[in-house]
Amino acid sequence: MNQSDEKMMYDYADKFINLANEMSQSDQSGRVGMAIRFAAARFSAFEASTQTNNLAEDKDKYLHLIAEDFNKLLQFNLDDYIKILSSKV
């Protein structure tokens, strides 16, 4: 991913995060996190459907690709929060 695409990705992500943070002000039950994960899954399924002529045949491929991508992103962000939290102690 080039620098321009990476910046755009972070800008888009920040919009979703800002909305989730705003919603979390009045609902701290965990429903906001579940909703954003559902939305990401729903959009990922749509995106996969636009990239293949046979989603049923390619389903496992997209499940693997999207899950692997999410796992990498989650690992990166968990490590980032660990650094932030450990620097506060």
N, C-alpha and C. Protein backbone atom coordinates (compact mmCIF):
# COMPACT_ATOMS: atom_id res chain seq x y z
N MET A 1 0.86 -1.17 0.00
CA MET A 1 0.00 0.00 0.00
C MET A 1 0.91 1.24 0.00
N ASN A 2 0.63 2.14 -0.92
CA ASN A 2 1.46 3.34 -0.95
C ASN A 2 1.02 4.32 0.13
N GLN A 3 1.83 5.34 0.32
CA GLN A 3 1.61 6.28 1.43
C GLN A 3 0.27 7.01 1.32
N SER A 4 -0.12 7.37 0.11
CA SER A 4 -1.39 8.06 -0.10
C SER A 4 -2.58 7.15 0.25
N ASP A 5 -2.51 5.89 -0.19
CA ASP A 5 -3.58 4.93 0.13
C ASP A 5 -3.64 4.66 1.63
N GLU A 6 -2.47 4.57 2.26
CA GLU A 6 -2.43 4.32 3.70
C GLU A 6 -3.05 5.48 4.47
N LYS A 7 -2.73 6.71 4.06
CA LYS A 7 -3.31 7.89 4.72
C LYS A 7 -4.83 7.89 4.55
N MET A 8 -5.30 7.58 3.34
CA MET A 8 -6.75 7.55 3.10
C MET A 8 -7.41 6.48 3.96
N MET A 9 -6.77 5.30 4.09
CA MET A 9 -7.32 4.23 4.92
C MET A 9 -7.46 4.71 6.37
N TYR A 10 -6.42 5.35 6.90
CA TYR A 10 -6.48 5.86 8.27
C TYR A 10 -7.54 6.94 8.42
N ASP A 11 -7.68 7.81 7.43
CA ASP A 11 -8.71 8.85 7.48
C ASP A 11 -10.10 8.23 7.51
N TYR A 12 -10.34 7.24 6.66
CA TYR A 12 -11.64 6.55 6.66
C TYR A 12 -11.88 5.85 7.99
N ALA A 13 -10.87 5.14 8.47
CA ALA A 13 -11.00 4.42 9.74
C ALA A 13 -11.30 5.39 10.88
N ASP A 14 -10.63 6.54 10.88
CA ASP A 14 -10.89 7.53 11.93
C ASP A 14 -12.33 7.98 11.95
N LYS A 15 -12.97 8.09 10.78
CA LYS A 15 -14.39 8.48 10.73
C LYS A 15 -15.26 7.43 11.42
N PHE A 16 -14.99 6.15 11.16
CA PHE A 16 -15.74 5.08 11.82
C PHE A 16 -15.47 5.08 13.32
N ILE A 17 -14.22 5.24 13.68
CA ILE A 17 -13.84 5.23 15.10
C ILE A 17 -14.47 6.40 15.84
N ASN A 18 -14.47 7.58 15.22
CA ASN A 18 -15.10 8.75 15.85
C ASN A 18 -16.58 8.52 16.08
N LEU A 19 -17.26 7.93 15.10
CA LEU A 19 -18.68 7.62 15.26
C LEU A 19 -18.89 6.59 16.38
N ALA A 20 -18.05 5.56 16.40
CA ALA A 20 -18.16 4.54 17.45
C ALA A 20 -17.89 5.14 18.83
N ASN A 21 -16.91 6.01 18.92
CA ASN A 21 -16.62 6.67 20.20
C ASN A 21 -17.80 7.54 20.64
N GLU A 22 -18.40 8.24 19.70
CA GLU A 22 -19.57 9.07 20.02
C GLU A 22 -20.73 8.20 20.52
N MET A 23 -20.97 7.08 19.84
CA MET A 23 -22.05 6.18 20.24
C MET A 23 -21.76 5.53 21.59
N SER A 24 -20.49 5.27 21.86
CA SER A 24 -20.09 4.63 23.11
C SER A 24 -20.27 5.53 24.32
N GLN A 25 -20.40 6.83 24.10
CA GLN A 25 -20.64 7.75 25.20
C GLN A 25 -21.95 7.43 25.91
N SER A 26 -22.96 7.01 25.14
CA SER A 26 -24.26 6.72 25.74
C SER A 26 -24.57 5.23 25.84
N ASP A 27 -23.69 4.38 25.30
CA ASP A 27 -23.91 2.93 25.36
C ASP A 27 -22.57 2.23 25.55
N GLN A 28 -22.29 1.84 26.77
CA GLN A 28 -21.03 1.18 27.08
C GLN A 28 -21.21 -0.32 27.29
N SER A 29 -22.26 -0.86 26.70
CA SER A 29 -22.60 -2.27 26.89
C SER A 29 -21.77 -3.22 26.03
N GLY A 30 -21.05 -2.69 25.06
CA GLY A 30 -20.33 -3.54 24.12
C GLY A 30 -21.06 -3.69 22.80
N ARG A 31 -22.29 -3.17 22.75
CA ARG A 31 -23.07 -3.29 21.52
C ARG A 31 -22.46 -2.49 20.37
N VAL A 32 -21.80 -1.38 20.68
CA VAL A 32 -21.19 -0.57 19.63
C VAL A 32 -20.06 -1.35 18.95
N GLY A 33 -19.23 -2.00 19.76
CA GLY A 33 -18.15 -2.82 19.21
C GLY A 33 -18.69 -3.96 18.37
N MET A 34 -19.74 -4.61 18.87
CA MET A 34 -20.35 -5.71 18.12
C MET A 34 -20.94 -5.18 16.80
N ALA A 35 -21.56 -4.01 16.85
CA ALA A 35 -22.16 -3.44 15.64
C ALA A 35 -21.09 -3.08 14.60
N ILE A 36 -19.97 -2.53 15.05
CA ILE A 36 -18.93 -2.15 14.09
C ILE A 36 -18.28 -3.40 13.50
N ARG A 37 -18.13 -4.47 14.29
CA ARG A 37 -17.60 -5.72 13.74
C ARG A 37 -18.59 -6.34 12.76
N PHE A 38 -19.89 -6.27 13.08
CA PHE A 38 -20.91 -6.78 12.16
C PHE A 38 -20.87 -5.98 10.86
N ALA A 39 -20.79 -4.66 10.97
CA ALA A 39 -20.74 -3.81 9.78
C ALA A 39 -19.51 -4.13 8.94
N ALA A 40 -18.37 -4.35 9.59
CA ALA A 40 -17.15 -4.69 8.86
C ALA A 40 -17.31 -6.04 8.15
N ALA A 41 -17.93 -7.00 8.83
CA ALA A 41 -18.15 -8.31 8.22
C ALA A 41 -19.13 -8.20 7.05
N ARG A 42 -20.18 -7.43 7.25
CA ARG A 42 -21.20 -7.26 6.20
C ARG A 42 -20.59 -6.60 4.97
N PHE A 43 -19.82 -5.53 5.18
CA PHE A 43 -19.21 -4.85 4.06
C PHE A 43 -18.14 -5.72 3.40
N SER A 44 -17.41 -6.48 4.20
CA SER A 44 -16.39 -7.38 3.65
C SER A 44 -17.03 -8.45 2.76
N ALA A 45 -18.18 -8.96 3.16
CA ALA A 45 -18.91 -9.94 2.34
C ALA A 45 -19.35 -9.29 1.03
N PHE A 46 -19.85 -8.06 1.11
CA PHE A 46 -20.23 -7.33 -0.11
C PHE A 46 -19.02 -7.12 -1.01
N GLU A 47 -17.92 -6.67 -0.41
CA GLU A 47 -16.70 -6.40 -1.18
C GLU A 47 -16.22 -7.68 -1.87
N ALA A 48 -16.22 -8.80 -1.15
CA ALA A 48 -15.82 -10.07 -1.74
C ALA A 48 -16.72 -10.42 -2.92
N SER A 49 -18.03 -10.15 -2.77
CA SER A 49 -18.97 -10.48 -3.84
C SER A 49 -18.71 -9.69 -5.12
N THR A 50 -18.07 -8.55 -4.99
CA THR A 50 -17.77 -7.73 -6.18
C THR A 50 -16.46 -8.15 -6.84
N GLN A 51 -15.71 -9.03 -6.21
CA GLN A 51 -14.39 -9.40 -6.71
C GLN A 51 -14.35 -10.81 -7.31
N THR A 52 -15.47 -11.45 -7.41
CA THR A 52 -15.51 -12.81 -7.95
C THR A 52 -16.80 -13.02 -8.73
N ASN A 53 -16.74 -13.94 -9.66
CA ASN A 53 -17.94 -14.32 -10.40
C ASN A 53 -18.67 -15.48 -9.74
N ASN A 54 -18.01 -16.10 -8.73
CA ASN A 54 -18.61 -17.25 -8.07
C ASN A 54 -18.25 -17.21 -6.58
N LEU A 55 -19.01 -16.45 -5.83
CA LEU A 55 -18.73 -16.28 -4.40
C LEU A 55 -18.84 -17.61 -3.65
N ALA A 56 -19.79 -18.44 -4.02
CA ALA A 56 -19.94 -19.73 -3.34
C ALA A 56 -18.67 -20.56 -3.51
N GLU A 57 -18.11 -20.55 -4.69
CA GLU A 57 -16.88 -21.30 -4.95
C GLU A 57 -15.67 -20.68 -4.25
N ASP A 58 -15.63 -19.36 -4.19
CA ASP A 58 -14.48 -18.64 -3.63
C ASP A 58 -14.65 -18.24 -2.17
N LYS A 59 -15.74 -18.68 -1.55
CA LYS A 59 -16.05 -18.29 -0.17
C LYS A 59 -14.89 -18.56 0.80
N ASP A 60 -14.35 -19.77 0.78
CA ASP A 60 -13.27 -20.11 1.71
C ASP A 60 -12.04 -19.24 1.49
N LYS A 61 -11.75 -18.94 0.25
CA LYS A 61 -10.61 -18.06 -0.08
C LYS A 61 -10.80 -16.70 0.58
N TYR A 62 -11.99 -16.12 0.44
CA TYR A 62 -12.25 -14.80 1.02
C TYR A 62 -12.33 -14.85 2.54
N LEU A 63 -12.89 -15.91 3.08
CA LEU A 63 -12.90 -16.07 4.54
C LEU A 63 -11.47 -16.04 5.08
N HIS A 64 -10.59 -16.77 4.43
CA HIS A 64 -9.19 -16.82 4.86
C HIS A 64 -8.51 -15.45 4.70
N LEU A 65 -8.66 -14.83 3.55
CA LEU A 65 -8.00 -13.54 3.29
C LEU A 65 -8.46 -12.46 4.26
N ILE A 66 -9.76 -12.36 4.46
CA ILE A 66 -10.31 -11.31 5.32
C ILE A 66 -9.97 -11.58 6.78
N ALA A 67 -10.08 -12.84 7.20
CA ALA A 67 -9.74 -13.19 8.59
C ALA A 67 -8.26 -12.94 8.87
N GLU A 68 -7.41 -13.30 7.92
CA GLU A 68 -5.98 -13.08 8.08
C GLU A 68 -5.66 -11.58 8.18
N ASP A 69 -6.30 -10.80 7.33
CA ASP A 69 -6.10 -9.34 7.35
C ASP A 69 -6.57 -8.76 8.68
N PHE A 70 -7.77 -9.17 9.14
CA PHE A 70 -8.29 -8.68 10.42
C PHE A 70 -7.36 -9.07 11.57
N ASN A 71 -6.88 -10.30 11.55
CA ASN A 71 -5.99 -10.77 12.61
C ASN A 71 -4.72 -9.93 12.68
N LYS A 72 -4.13 -9.61 11.53
CA LYS A 72 -2.93 -8.77 11.50
C LYS A 72 -3.22 -7.38 12.05
N LEU A 73 -4.34 -6.81 11.64
CA LEU A 73 -4.71 -5.47 12.11
C LEU A 73 -4.99 -5.46 13.60
N LEU A 74 -5.67 -6.48 14.09
CA LEU A 74 -5.97 -6.56 15.52
C LEU A 74 -4.68 -6.74 16.32
N GLN A 75 -3.78 -7.60 15.84
CA GLN A 75 -2.50 -7.81 16.52
C GLN A 75 -1.73 -6.49 16.61
N PHE A 76 -1.65 -5.76 15.51
CA PHE A 76 -0.96 -4.47 15.47
C PHE A 76 -1.56 -3.51 16.50
N ASN A 77 -2.88 -3.42 16.52
CA ASN A 77 -3.54 -2.47 17.42
C ASN A 77 -3.46 -2.90 18.88
N LEU A 78 -3.53 -4.19 19.16
CA LEU A 78 -3.34 -4.66 20.54
C LEU A 78 -1.93 -4.34 21.02
N ASP A 79 -0.94 -4.59 20.18
CA ASP A 79 0.45 -4.26 20.54
C ASP A 79 0.60 -2.77 20.80
N ASP A 80 -0.06 -1.96 19.98
CA ASP A 80 -0.01 -0.51 20.14
C ASP A 80 -0.60 -0.09 21.49
N TYR A 81 -1.74 -0.67 21.85
CA TYR A 81 -2.36 -0.35 23.14
C TYR A 81 -1.53 -0.84 24.31
N ILE A 82 -0.87 -1.97 24.15
CA ILE A 82 0.01 -2.48 25.21
C ILE A 82 1.13 -1.48 25.45
N LYS A 83 1.73 -0.96 24.38
CA LYS A 83 2.78 0.05 24.51
C LYS A 83 2.26 1.31 25.19
N ILE A 84 1.09 1.76 24.78
CA ILE A 84 0.50 2.98 25.36
C ILE A 84 0.24 2.78 26.85
N LEU A 85 -0.38 1.65 27.20
CA LEU A 85 -0.74 1.39 28.58
C LEU A 85 0.50 1.18 29.46
N SER A 86 1.51 0.53 28.92
CA SER A 86 2.71 0.28 29.73
C SER A 86 3.53 1.56 29.93
N SER A 87 3.38 2.51 29.04
CA SER A 87 4.11 3.78 29.22
C SER A 87 3.45 4.67 30.25
N LYS A 88 2.20 4.36 30.62
CA LYS A 88 1.47 5.15 31.61
C LYS A 88 1.76 4.70 33.03
N VAL A 89 2.40 3.55 33.20
CA VAL A 89 2.64 3.03 34.55
C VAL A 89 3.90 3.55 35.16
